[in-house]
Amino acid sequence: MQIRTIQAIVGISKSGQLIKHAVFIIIALASIFCSQRCRGDEPNISYAQEMPKISEDAKHALASVLTAANVQGCVIASTVRTCAEQAKVMYGFITTYGVAAARNLYGGEGNQVVDVYVAQTNANQDEAATLAAMAAKIKAVLPEAINNHHLMHVDRPGYDVFDVSLDSIPGDKRDSFIKAAKASSLFHRVLSPEEGEKTCCHFEFKKSQ
């Protein structure tokens, strides 16, 4: 199909009727391009639920990682968060994996938020009160966290920050995916289970200025 199209274009060139047949050339080339795009060559990147979308540049960078790891697609589990949303994620992480695991993951400012969780729990505060106190602490430490590149999901307009669910990556390709992600020069930082993540691979992509 493509060979015949090219031959037709060459024939038109030789006959000196390029202007007359320009529209047909454009249609032919568009058809070739579409057939290549529609074969499923591009990895399928989807979102676990409704959330702010990452930029096209970040999406292309992630697609390059998937291609390098020979993975057909993935699911983005999380992107940008408010202070309250970050508190809820940290609360869930702590109750599932424990205080020590949280301290290993979230950095110095995050540890201050973990301290609030511990204090609230020791004071027998309920979940709603604990979440409110944690969110308030996140807001308080955010300027320092921004300087130190911690708690990156919150208030980072210059970055695309997102987590890819490792459950969406075939088990026999997860190591290749993580290796390709860390080898990529397109990302500011990538965190995997080696750095304390549990169910996701965390990506930070610096936007073009």
N, C-alpha and C. Protein backbone atom coordinates (compact mmCIF):
# COMPACT_ATOMS: atom_id res chain seq x y z
N MET A 1 0.85 -1.21 0.00
CA MET A 1 0.00 0.00 0.00
C MET A 1 0.87 1.25 0.00
N GLN A 2 1.84 1.31 0.92
CA GLN A 2 2.72 2.47 1.01
C GLN A 2 3.60 2.59 -0.22
N ILE A 3 4.07 1.44 -0.76
CA ILE A 3 4.94 1.45 -1.95
C ILE A 3 4.19 2.02 -3.14
N ARG A 4 2.91 1.57 -3.30
CA ARG A 4 2.11 2.07 -4.42
C ARG A 4 1.89 3.58 -4.29
N THR A 5 1.65 4.04 -3.06
CA THR A 5 1.43 5.47 -2.84
C THR A 5 2.67 6.27 -3.22
N ILE A 6 3.84 5.78 -2.81
CA ILE A 6 5.11 6.46 -3.13
C ILE A 6 5.33 6.48 -4.64
N GLN A 7 5.04 5.34 -5.29
CA GLN A 7 5.21 5.28 -6.73
C GLN A 7 4.30 6.29 -7.43
N ALA A 8 3.09 6.42 -6.91
CA ALA A 8 2.14 7.38 -7.49
C ALA A 8 2.66 8.80 -7.36
N ILE A 9 3.23 9.10 -6.17
CA ILE A 9 3.77 10.44 -5.95
C ILE A 9 4.92 10.73 -6.90
N VAL A 10 5.81 9.74 -7.06
CA VAL A 10 6.93 9.92 -7.98
C VAL A 10 6.44 10.15 -9.40
N GLY A 11 5.42 9.37 -9.80
CA GLY A 11 4.86 9.53 -11.13
C GLY A 11 4.29 10.91 -11.35
N ILE A 12 3.62 11.43 -10.35
CA ILE A 12 3.05 12.76 -10.45
C ILE A 12 4.14 13.80 -10.60
N SER A 13 5.24 13.61 -9.84
CA SER A 13 6.35 14.55 -9.92
C SER A 13 6.90 14.59 -11.34
N LYS A 14 7.07 13.41 -11.95
CA LYS A 14 7.66 13.34 -13.28
C LYS A 14 6.73 13.97 -14.32
N SER A 15 5.47 13.90 -14.13
CA SER A 15 4.54 14.44 -15.11
C SER A 15 4.38 15.94 -15.00
N GLY A 16 4.97 16.54 -13.97
CA GLY A 16 4.93 17.98 -13.80
C GLY A 16 3.58 18.50 -13.37
N GLN A 17 2.75 17.66 -12.74
CA GLN A 17 1.42 18.08 -12.34
C GLN A 17 1.29 18.16 -10.81
N LEU A 18 2.36 18.61 -10.13
CA LEU A 18 2.36 18.64 -8.68
C LEU A 18 1.26 19.53 -8.12
N ILE A 19 1.08 20.69 -8.72
CA ILE A 19 0.08 21.62 -8.19
C ILE A 19 -1.30 21.01 -8.29
N LYS A 20 -1.60 20.44 -9.45
CA LYS A 20 -2.92 19.87 -9.68
C LYS A 20 -3.22 18.74 -8.72
N HIS A 21 -2.19 17.95 -8.38
CA HIS A 21 -2.42 16.76 -7.57
C HIS A 21 -1.92 16.91 -6.13
N ALA A 22 -1.60 18.12 -5.70
CA ALA A 22 -1.05 18.32 -4.36
C ALA A 22 -1.98 17.79 -3.28
N VAL A 23 -3.26 18.03 -3.45
CA VAL A 23 -4.21 17.59 -2.43
C VAL A 23 -4.21 16.08 -2.28
N PHE A 24 -4.04 15.36 -3.40
CA PHE A 24 -4.02 13.91 -3.34
C PHE A 24 -2.75 13.39 -2.66
N ILE A 25 -1.65 14.13 -2.85
CA ILE A 25 -0.40 13.76 -2.18
C ILE A 25 -0.54 13.91 -0.68
N ILE A 26 -1.12 15.03 -0.27
CA ILE A 26 -1.31 15.29 1.16
C ILE A 26 -2.19 14.22 1.79
N ILE A 27 -3.27 13.85 1.09
CA ILE A 27 -4.17 12.82 1.60
C ILE A 27 -3.44 11.48 1.72
N ALA A 28 -2.60 11.17 0.72
CA ALA A 28 -1.87 9.90 0.75
C ALA A 28 -0.90 9.84 1.91
N LEU A 29 -0.16 10.95 2.11
CA LEU A 29 0.80 10.99 3.21
C LEU A 29 0.08 10.94 4.56
N ALA A 30 -1.05 11.61 4.66
CA ALA A 30 -1.83 11.57 5.90
C ALA A 30 -2.32 10.16 6.19
N SER A 31 -2.68 9.44 5.13
CA SER A 31 -3.14 8.06 5.29
C SER A 31 -2.03 7.17 5.81
N ILE A 32 -0.82 7.37 5.27
CA ILE A 32 0.33 6.59 5.75
C ILE A 32 0.59 6.88 7.22
N PHE A 33 0.60 8.17 7.57
CA PHE A 33 0.84 8.57 8.96
C PHE A 33 -0.20 7.98 9.89
N CYS A 34 -1.46 8.04 9.47
CA CYS A 34 -2.54 7.52 10.31
C CYS A 34 -2.40 6.02 10.49
N SER A 35 -2.05 5.30 9.43
CA SER A 35 -1.93 3.85 9.54
C SER A 35 -0.83 3.46 10.51
N GLN A 36 0.23 4.27 10.56
CA GLN A 36 1.32 3.99 11.49
C GLN A 36 0.90 4.27 12.92
N ARG A 37 0.14 5.36 13.12
CA ARG A 37 -0.28 5.75 14.46
C ARG A 37 -1.33 4.80 15.01
N CYS A 38 -2.15 4.26 14.10
CA CYS A 38 -3.29 3.45 14.53
C CYS A 38 -2.94 2.00 14.73
N ARG A 39 -1.69 1.62 14.51
CA ARG A 39 -1.30 0.22 14.70
C ARG A 39 -1.09 -0.11 16.17
N GLY A 40 -1.18 0.88 17.04
CA GLY A 40 -0.97 0.61 18.45
C GLY A 40 0.47 0.75 18.87
N ASP A 41 1.28 1.48 18.05
CA ASP A 41 2.69 1.64 18.38
C ASP A 41 2.87 2.50 19.62
N GLU A 42 1.98 3.46 19.85
CA GLU A 42 2.09 4.34 21.00
C GLU A 42 1.58 3.63 22.25
N PRO A 43 2.33 3.65 23.35
CA PRO A 43 1.85 3.05 24.59
C PRO A 43 0.56 3.72 25.06
N ASN A 44 -0.29 2.95 25.67
CA ASN A 44 -1.57 3.46 26.17
C ASN A 44 -1.39 3.94 27.61
N ILE A 45 -1.53 5.23 27.84
CA ILE A 45 -1.40 5.82 29.17
C ILE A 45 -2.76 6.32 29.62
N SER A 46 -3.26 5.79 30.72
CA SER A 46 -4.58 6.16 31.21
C SER A 46 -4.48 6.59 32.67
N TYR A 47 -5.60 7.03 33.22
CA TYR A 47 -5.66 7.52 34.60
C TYR A 47 -6.61 6.64 35.42
N ALA A 48 -6.23 6.40 36.67
CA ALA A 48 -7.02 5.53 37.52
C ALA A 48 -8.40 6.11 37.82
N GLN A 49 -8.48 7.43 37.84
CA GLN A 49 -9.73 8.12 38.11
C GLN A 49 -9.61 9.56 37.60
N GLU A 50 -10.65 10.35 37.80
CA GLU A 50 -10.60 11.74 37.38
C GLU A 50 -9.57 12.50 38.22
N MET A 51 -8.64 13.17 37.55
CA MET A 51 -7.58 13.92 38.23
C MET A 51 -6.95 14.88 37.23
N PRO A 52 -6.22 15.89 37.69
CA PRO A 52 -5.52 16.76 36.75
C PRO A 52 -4.55 15.96 35.87
N LYS A 53 -4.55 16.24 34.59
CA LYS A 53 -3.73 15.49 33.64
C LYS A 53 -2.31 16.06 33.58
N ILE A 54 -1.36 15.21 33.27
CA ILE A 54 0.01 15.66 33.07
C ILE A 54 0.14 16.28 31.69
N SER A 55 1.20 17.05 31.48
CA SER A 55 1.41 17.72 30.20
C SER A 55 1.75 16.71 29.11
N GLU A 56 1.59 17.14 27.86
CA GLU A 56 1.94 16.27 26.73
C GLU A 56 3.43 15.93 26.74
N ASP A 57 4.27 16.88 27.14
CA ASP A 57 5.71 16.61 27.20
C ASP A 57 6.01 15.50 28.21
N ALA A 58 5.38 15.58 29.37
CA ALA A 58 5.58 14.55 30.39
C ALA A 58 5.04 13.20 29.92
N LYS A 59 3.90 13.26 29.23
CA LYS A 59 3.31 12.02 28.71
C LYS A 59 4.23 11.36 27.68
N HIS A 60 4.83 12.17 26.81
CA HIS A 60 5.76 11.62 25.82
C HIS A 60 7.00 11.03 26.50
N ALA A 61 7.46 11.70 27.57
CA ALA A 61 8.61 11.17 28.31
C ALA A 61 8.28 9.82 28.94
N LEU A 62 7.09 9.72 29.52
CA LEU A 62 6.66 8.45 30.10
C LEU A 62 6.51 7.38 29.02
N ALA A 63 5.97 7.77 27.87
CA ALA A 63 5.82 6.82 26.77
C ALA A 63 7.17 6.27 26.32
N SER A 64 8.19 7.12 26.34
CA SER A 64 9.52 6.66 25.94
C SER A 64 10.06 5.61 26.91
N VAL A 65 9.73 5.76 28.19
CA VAL A 65 10.13 4.77 29.19
C VAL A 65 9.40 3.44 28.95
N LEU A 66 8.11 3.53 28.70
CA LEU A 66 7.32 2.33 28.42
C LEU A 66 7.85 1.61 27.19
N THR A 67 8.17 2.36 26.16
CA THR A 67 8.69 1.76 24.94
C THR A 67 10.03 1.08 25.19
N ALA A 68 10.89 1.74 25.95
CA ALA A 68 12.21 1.16 26.25
C ALA A 68 12.08 -0.13 27.03
N ALA A 69 11.05 -0.22 27.86
CA ALA A 69 10.84 -1.42 28.68
C ALA A 69 9.94 -2.45 27.99
N ASN A 70 9.51 -2.13 26.75
CA ASN A 70 8.63 -3.01 25.99
C ASN A 70 7.32 -3.27 26.74
N VAL A 71 6.77 -2.19 27.30
CA VAL A 71 5.49 -2.26 28.02
C VAL A 71 4.45 -1.51 27.21
N GLN A 72 3.29 -2.10 27.02
CA GLN A 72 2.28 -1.54 26.12
C GLN A 72 1.50 -0.37 26.72
N GLY A 73 1.49 -0.25 28.03
CA GLY A 73 0.73 0.84 28.64
C GLY A 73 0.84 0.83 30.15
N CYS A 74 0.26 1.86 30.77
CA CYS A 74 0.28 1.94 32.23
C CYS A 74 -0.87 2.82 32.70
N VAL A 75 -1.07 2.82 34.01
CA VAL A 75 -2.12 3.63 34.63
C VAL A 75 -1.46 4.62 35.59
N ILE A 76 -1.78 5.89 35.42
CA ILE A 76 -1.32 6.92 36.36
C ILE A 76 -2.28 6.94 37.53
N ALA A 77 -1.76 6.71 38.73
CA ALA A 77 -2.61 6.59 39.92
C ALA A 77 -2.84 7.93 40.61
N SER A 78 -1.90 8.88 40.44
CA SER A 78 -2.01 10.14 41.16
C SER A 78 -1.18 11.21 40.47
N THR A 79 -1.66 12.46 40.55
CA THR A 79 -0.89 13.58 40.02
C THR A 79 -0.80 14.66 41.10
N VAL A 80 -1.18 15.89 40.76
CA VAL A 80 -1.09 16.98 41.72
C VAL A 80 -2.11 16.80 42.85
N ARG A 81 -1.75 17.27 44.06
CA ARG A 81 -2.63 17.14 45.22
C ARG A 81 -2.72 18.45 45.98
N THR A 82 -3.83 18.64 46.66
CA THR A 82 -3.95 19.72 47.64
C THR A 82 -3.31 19.25 48.95
N CYS A 83 -3.16 20.16 49.90
CA CYS A 83 -2.63 19.78 51.22
C CYS A 83 -3.51 18.71 51.87
N ALA A 84 -4.82 18.88 51.74
CA ALA A 84 -5.74 17.91 52.33
C ALA A 84 -5.62 16.54 51.66
N GLU A 85 -5.45 16.55 50.34
CA GLU A 85 -5.30 15.28 49.62
C GLU A 85 -3.99 14.60 49.96
N GLN A 86 -2.92 15.40 50.11
CA GLN A 86 -1.63 14.83 50.50
C GLN A 86 -1.71 14.24 51.90
N ALA A 87 -2.42 14.92 52.80
CA ALA A 87 -2.59 14.39 54.16
C ALA A 87 -3.32 13.05 54.13
N LYS A 88 -4.34 12.95 53.30
CA LYS A 88 -5.10 11.70 53.20
C LYS A 88 -4.24 10.57 52.67
N VAL A 89 -3.41 10.88 51.65
CA VAL A 89 -2.51 9.86 51.09
C VAL A 89 -1.51 9.41 52.15
N MET A 90 -0.93 10.36 52.87
CA MET A 90 0.05 10.01 53.90
C MET A 90 -0.60 9.24 55.04
N TYR A 91 -1.79 9.62 55.41
CA TYR A 91 -2.53 8.90 56.46
C TYR A 91 -2.74 7.44 56.05
N GLY A 92 -3.17 7.25 54.81
CA GLY A 92 -3.38 5.89 54.32
C GLY A 92 -2.09 5.09 54.27
N PHE A 93 -1.01 5.75 53.86
CA PHE A 93 0.29 5.07 53.78
C PHE A 93 0.73 4.63 55.18
N ILE A 94 0.60 5.53 56.15
CA ILE A 94 1.05 5.21 57.52
C ILE A 94 0.22 4.08 58.11
N THR A 95 -1.09 4.14 57.95
CA THR A 95 -1.94 3.10 58.54
C THR A 95 -1.73 1.75 57.87
N THR A 96 -1.26 1.76 56.62
CA THR A 96 -1.02 0.50 55.90
C THR A 96 0.37 -0.05 56.14
N TYR A 97 1.39 0.83 56.08
CA TYR A 97 2.77 0.37 56.10
C TYR A 97 3.55 0.74 57.35
N GLY A 98 2.99 1.63 58.17
CA GLY A 98 3.64 1.97 59.43
C GLY A 98 4.41 3.28 59.40
N VAL A 99 4.70 3.78 60.59
CA VAL A 99 5.39 5.05 60.75
C VAL A 99 6.81 5.00 60.18
N ALA A 100 7.52 3.93 60.43
CA ALA A 100 8.91 3.82 59.98
C ALA A 100 9.00 3.89 58.45
N ALA A 101 8.08 3.22 57.76
CA ALA A 101 8.08 3.24 56.30
C ALA A 101 7.80 4.66 55.79
N ALA A 102 6.91 5.37 56.46
CA ALA A 102 6.60 6.74 56.06
C ALA A 102 7.81 7.66 56.26
N ARG A 103 8.51 7.49 57.36
CA ARG A 103 9.70 8.32 57.60
C ARG A 103 10.78 8.05 56.56
N ASN A 104 10.81 6.86 56.03
CA ASN A 104 11.80 6.49 55.02
C ASN A 104 11.50 7.10 53.66
N LEU A 105 10.25 7.52 53.47
CA LEU A 105 9.82 7.96 52.14
C LEU A 105 9.69 9.46 51.98
N TYR A 106 9.14 10.15 52.97
CA TYR A 106 8.65 11.51 52.75
C TYR A 106 9.64 12.64 53.03
N GLY A 107 10.81 12.35 53.52
CA GLY A 107 11.79 13.41 53.73
C GLY A 107 11.56 14.17 55.02
N GLY A 108 12.43 15.15 55.31
CA GLY A 108 12.42 15.87 56.57
C GLY A 108 11.11 16.56 56.86
N GLU A 109 10.56 17.29 55.88
CA GLU A 109 9.30 17.99 56.09
C GLU A 109 8.15 17.01 56.23
N GLY A 110 8.21 15.94 55.47
CA GLY A 110 7.19 14.90 55.60
C GLY A 110 7.23 14.25 56.96
N ASN A 111 8.42 14.11 57.51
CA ASN A 111 8.54 13.52 58.84
C ASN A 111 7.84 14.37 59.90
N GLN A 112 7.83 15.69 59.70
CA GLN A 112 7.11 16.55 60.63
C GLN A 112 5.60 16.28 60.56
N VAL A 113 5.13 15.95 59.38
CA VAL A 113 3.72 15.58 59.22
C VAL A 113 3.46 14.23 59.87
N VAL A 114 4.40 13.32 59.73
CA VAL A 114 4.27 12.02 60.40
C VAL A 114 4.24 12.20 61.92
N ASP A 115 5.05 13.12 62.42
CA ASP A 115 5.05 13.41 63.86
C ASP A 115 3.66 13.86 64.33
N VAL A 116 2.98 14.64 63.50
CA VAL A 116 1.63 15.09 63.85
C VAL A 116 0.69 13.89 63.92
N TYR A 117 0.82 12.97 62.95
CA TYR A 117 0.01 11.75 62.99
C TYR A 117 0.22 11.00 64.30
N VAL A 118 1.48 10.83 64.66
CA VAL A 118 1.79 10.09 65.90
C VAL A 118 1.20 10.80 67.11
N ALA A 119 1.36 12.12 67.18
CA ALA A 119 0.84 12.88 68.33
C ALA A 119 -0.68 12.79 68.40
N GLN A 120 -1.34 12.89 67.25
CA GLN A 120 -2.80 12.82 67.22
C GLN A 120 -3.29 11.43 67.62
N THR A 121 -2.58 10.42 67.15
CA THR A 121 -2.95 9.04 67.50
C THR A 121 -2.77 8.79 68.99
N ASN A 122 -1.66 9.26 69.54
CA ASN A 122 -1.41 9.09 70.98
C ASN A 122 -2.44 9.84 71.83
N ALA A 123 -3.00 10.91 71.26
CA ALA A 123 -4.01 11.68 71.98
C ALA A 123 -5.42 11.15 71.70
N ASN A 124 -5.48 10.00 71.01
CA ASN A 124 -6.77 9.34 70.71
C ASN A 124 -7.71 10.21 69.87
N GLN A 125 -7.13 11.02 68.99
CA GLN A 125 -7.94 11.83 68.09
C GLN A 125 -8.49 10.96 66.95
N ASP A 126 -9.66 11.33 66.46
CA ASP A 126 -10.25 10.53 65.39
C ASP A 126 -9.60 10.87 64.05
N GLU A 127 -10.00 10.15 63.01
CA GLU A 127 -9.38 10.32 61.70
C GLU A 127 -9.56 11.73 61.16
N ALA A 128 -10.75 12.28 61.28
CA ALA A 128 -11.01 13.62 60.74
C ALA A 128 -10.11 14.66 61.39
N ALA A 129 -9.96 14.59 62.71
CA ALA A 129 -9.11 15.55 63.42
C ALA A 129 -7.64 15.36 63.04
N THR A 130 -7.25 14.11 62.91
CA THR A 130 -5.86 13.81 62.54
C THR A 130 -5.55 14.32 61.13
N LEU A 131 -6.46 14.09 60.20
CA LEU A 131 -6.26 14.56 58.83
C LEU A 131 -6.18 16.09 58.76
N ALA A 132 -7.02 16.75 59.53
CA ALA A 132 -7.01 18.22 59.55
C ALA A 132 -5.69 18.74 60.09
N ALA A 133 -5.19 18.11 61.15
CA ALA A 133 -3.92 18.54 61.75
C ALA A 133 -2.76 18.26 60.80
N MET A 134 -2.80 17.13 60.10
CA MET A 134 -1.74 16.80 59.15
C MET A 134 -1.75 17.77 57.97
N ALA A 135 -2.94 18.11 57.47
CA ALA A 135 -3.03 19.06 56.36
C ALA A 135 -2.50 20.43 56.76
N ALA A 136 -2.80 20.85 57.99
CA ALA A 136 -2.31 22.13 58.48
C ALA A 136 -0.78 22.13 58.56
N LYS A 137 -0.22 21.03 59.00
CA LYS A 137 1.25 20.93 59.08
C LYS A 137 1.87 20.94 57.69
N ILE A 138 1.26 20.25 56.73
CA ILE A 138 1.76 20.27 55.36
C ILE A 138 1.82 21.70 54.83
N LYS A 139 0.76 22.44 55.05
CA LYS A 139 0.72 23.83 54.61
C LYS A 139 1.82 24.64 55.28
N ALA A 140 2.08 24.36 56.56
CA ALA A 140 3.09 25.12 57.31
C ALA A 140 4.51 24.83 56.82
N VAL A 141 4.79 23.58 56.49
CA VAL A 141 6.16 23.20 56.10
C VAL A 141 6.39 23.30 54.60
N LEU A 142 5.36 23.64 53.84
CA LEU A 142 5.47 23.60 52.38
C LEU A 142 6.57 24.49 51.83
N PRO A 143 6.76 25.73 52.31
CA PRO A 143 7.87 26.54 51.76
C PRO A 143 9.23 25.85 51.89
N GLU A 144 9.47 25.23 53.02
CA GLU A 144 10.73 24.51 53.21
C GLU A 144 10.78 23.27 52.32
N ALA A 145 9.65 22.59 52.20
CA ALA A 145 9.59 21.39 51.36
C ALA A 145 9.85 21.74 49.90
N ILE A 146 9.35 22.88 49.45
CA ILE A 146 9.59 23.30 48.06
C ILE A 146 11.07 23.53 47.83
N ASN A 147 11.74 24.17 48.79
CA ASN A 147 13.18 24.41 48.66
C ASN A 147 13.98 23.12 48.61
N ASN A 148 13.50 22.10 49.32
CA ASN A 148 14.24 20.84 49.43
C ASN A 148 13.72 19.75 48.49
N HIS A 149 12.76 20.11 47.64
CA HIS A 149 12.18 19.14 46.70
C HIS A 149 11.57 17.93 47.41
N HIS A 150 10.82 18.22 48.45
CA HIS A 150 10.06 17.18 49.16
C HIS A 150 8.57 17.47 49.03
N LEU A 151 7.74 16.46 49.32
CA LEU A 151 6.29 16.60 49.19
C LEU A 151 5.93 17.19 47.83
N MET A 152 6.49 16.61 46.79
CA MET A 152 6.46 17.20 45.46
C MET A 152 5.08 17.21 44.80
N HIS A 153 4.14 16.43 45.30
CA HIS A 153 2.81 16.43 44.70
C HIS A 153 2.04 17.72 44.97
N VAL A 154 2.49 18.51 45.95
CA VAL A 154 1.73 19.68 46.41
C VAL A 154 2.37 20.97 45.90
N ASP A 155 1.59 21.77 45.18
CA ASP A 155 1.97 23.13 44.80
C ASP A 155 3.31 23.18 44.07
N ARG A 156 3.41 22.44 42.96
CA ARG A 156 4.61 22.48 42.12
C ARG A 156 4.23 22.80 40.68
N PRO A 157 3.87 24.04 40.39
CA PRO A 157 3.43 24.39 39.02
C PRO A 157 4.52 24.21 37.98
N GLY A 158 5.78 24.19 38.40
CA GLY A 158 6.87 24.02 37.44
C GLY A 158 7.19 22.58 37.12
N TYR A 159 6.47 21.64 37.72
CA TYR A 159 6.73 20.22 37.52
C TYR A 159 5.44 19.47 37.21
N ASP A 160 5.58 18.39 36.45
CA ASP A 160 4.56 17.35 36.38
C ASP A 160 5.01 16.27 37.35
N VAL A 161 4.23 16.05 38.40
CA VAL A 161 4.54 15.03 39.40
C VAL A 161 3.43 14.00 39.36
N PHE A 162 3.80 12.75 39.18
CA PHE A 162 2.77 11.72 39.05
C PHE A 162 3.30 10.35 39.47
N ASP A 163 2.38 9.49 39.85
CA ASP A 163 2.71 8.13 40.25
C ASP A 163 2.10 7.14 39.26
N VAL A 164 2.89 6.20 38.81
CA VAL A 164 2.42 5.13 37.94
C VAL A 164 2.19 3.89 38.79
N SER A 165 1.01 3.34 38.71
CA SER A 165 0.69 2.12 39.46
C SER A 165 1.54 0.96 38.95
N LEU A 166 2.27 0.32 39.84
CA LEU A 166 3.07 -0.83 39.43
C LEU A 166 2.20 -2.03 39.11
N ASP A 167 0.97 -2.05 39.63
CA ASP A 167 0.05 -3.13 39.28
C ASP A 167 -0.35 -3.08 37.81
N SER A 168 -0.20 -1.90 37.19
CA SER A 168 -0.55 -1.76 35.78
C SER A 168 0.58 -2.19 34.85
N ILE A 169 1.73 -2.52 35.42
CA ILE A 169 2.89 -2.99 34.66
C ILE A 169 2.97 -4.51 34.82
N PRO A 170 3.05 -5.27 33.73
CA PRO A 170 3.17 -6.73 33.87
C PRO A 170 4.31 -7.10 34.82
N GLY A 171 4.05 -8.10 35.65
CA GLY A 171 5.03 -8.48 36.67
C GLY A 171 6.41 -8.80 36.13
N ASP A 172 6.46 -9.43 34.96
CA ASP A 172 7.76 -9.81 34.41
C ASP A 172 8.49 -8.65 33.74
N LYS A 173 7.84 -7.46 33.72
CA LYS A 173 8.47 -6.30 33.08
C LYS A 173 8.66 -5.13 34.04
N ARG A 174 8.30 -5.31 35.30
CA ARG A 174 8.40 -4.20 36.25
C ARG A 174 9.84 -3.78 36.48
N ASP A 175 10.73 -4.73 36.62
CA ASP A 175 12.14 -4.37 36.82
C ASP A 175 12.68 -3.60 35.62
N SER A 176 12.30 -4.03 34.41
CA SER A 176 12.74 -3.34 33.20
C SER A 176 12.16 -1.94 33.14
N PHE A 177 10.91 -1.80 33.55
CA PHE A 177 10.25 -0.49 33.56
C PHE A 177 10.96 0.46 34.52
N ILE A 178 11.23 -0.01 35.72
CA ILE A 178 11.90 0.83 36.72
C ILE A 178 13.31 1.19 36.25
N LYS A 179 14.01 0.21 35.69
CA LYS A 179 15.37 0.47 35.19
C LYS A 179 15.35 1.51 34.08
N ALA A 180 14.40 1.39 33.15
CA ALA A 180 14.29 2.35 32.06
C ALA A 180 13.93 3.74 32.58
N ALA A 181 13.07 3.79 33.58
CA ALA A 181 12.66 5.07 34.16
C ALA A 181 13.85 5.79 34.80
N LYS A 182 14.64 5.06 35.55
CA LYS A 182 15.78 5.66 36.23
C LYS A 182 16.91 6.00 35.26
N ALA A 183 16.96 5.30 34.14
CA ALA A 183 18.00 5.58 33.15
C ALA A 183 17.64 6.77 32.27
N SER A 184 16.37 7.15 32.27
CA SER A 184 15.93 8.25 31.42
C SER A 184 16.48 9.59 31.93
N SER A 185 16.96 10.40 31.01
CA SER A 185 17.45 11.73 31.36
C SER A 185 16.34 12.78 31.30
N LEU A 186 15.13 12.35 31.01
CA LEU A 186 14.02 13.27 30.82
C LEU A 186 13.34 13.66 32.14
N PHE A 187 13.66 12.92 33.21
CA PHE A 187 12.98 13.17 34.48
C PHE A 187 13.92 13.77 35.53
N HIS A 188 13.37 14.68 36.32
CA HIS A 188 14.12 15.28 37.41
C HIS A 188 14.45 14.25 38.47
N ARG A 189 13.47 13.39 38.76
CA ARG A 189 13.70 12.34 39.77
C ARG A 189 12.67 11.23 39.58
N VAL A 190 13.10 10.01 39.86
CA VAL A 190 12.22 8.84 39.84
C VAL A 190 12.44 8.07 41.13
N LEU A 191 11.34 7.74 41.81
CA LEU A 191 11.41 6.97 43.05
C LEU A 191 10.66 5.66 42.87
N SER A 192 11.30 4.57 43.26
CA SER A 192 10.72 3.24 43.11
C SER A 192 10.66 2.57 44.49
N PRO A 193 10.26 1.31 44.57
CA PRO A 193 10.29 0.62 45.86
C PRO A 193 11.66 0.64 46.54
N GLU A 194 12.72 0.79 45.78
CA GLU A 194 14.06 0.88 46.38
C GLU A 194 14.19 2.11 47.27
N GLU A 195 13.43 3.16 46.95
CA GLU A 195 13.47 4.40 47.74
C GLU A 195 12.29 4.51 48.71
N GLY A 196 11.52 3.46 48.84
CA GLY A 196 10.44 3.46 49.83
C GLY A 196 9.03 3.46 49.28
N GLU A 197 8.87 3.64 47.96
CA GLU A 197 7.54 3.53 47.38
C GLU A 197 7.05 2.09 47.53
N LYS A 198 5.74 1.92 47.57
CA LYS A 198 5.20 0.57 47.78
C LYS A 198 4.45 0.05 46.56
N THR A 199 3.48 0.79 46.09
CA THR A 199 2.63 0.32 45.00
C THR A 199 2.83 1.11 43.71
N CYS A 200 3.67 2.12 43.74
CA CYS A 200 3.82 3.01 42.58
C CYS A 200 5.28 3.28 42.26
N CYS A 201 5.48 3.82 41.07
CA CYS A 201 6.76 4.41 40.69
C CYS A 201 6.49 5.90 40.53
N HIS A 202 7.24 6.71 41.26
CA HIS A 202 7.00 8.15 41.35
C HIS A 202 7.89 8.90 40.36
N PHE A 203 7.27 9.79 39.56
CA PHE A 203 8.00 10.55 38.53
C PHE A 203 7.88 12.04 38.79
N GLU A 204 8.99 12.75 38.55
CA GLU A 204 9.00 14.21 38.61
C GLU A 204 9.60 14.72 37.31
N PHE A 205 8.78 15.44 36.55
CA PHE A 205 9.18 15.95 35.23
C PHE A 205 9.18 17.48 35.28
N LYS A 206 10.33 18.08 35.01
CA LYS A 206 10.42 19.53 35.03
C LYS A 206 9.89 20.10 33.72
N LYS A 207 8.91 20.99 33.83
CA LYS A 207 8.30 21.59 32.65
C LYS A 207 9.24 22.57 31.97
N SER A 208 9.07 22.74 30.67
CA SER A 208 9.86 23.72 29.93
C SER A 208 9.45 25.12 30.34
N GLN A 209 10.42 26.01 30.47
CA GLN A 209 10.13 27.38 30.90
C GLN A 209 9.77 28.24 29.70
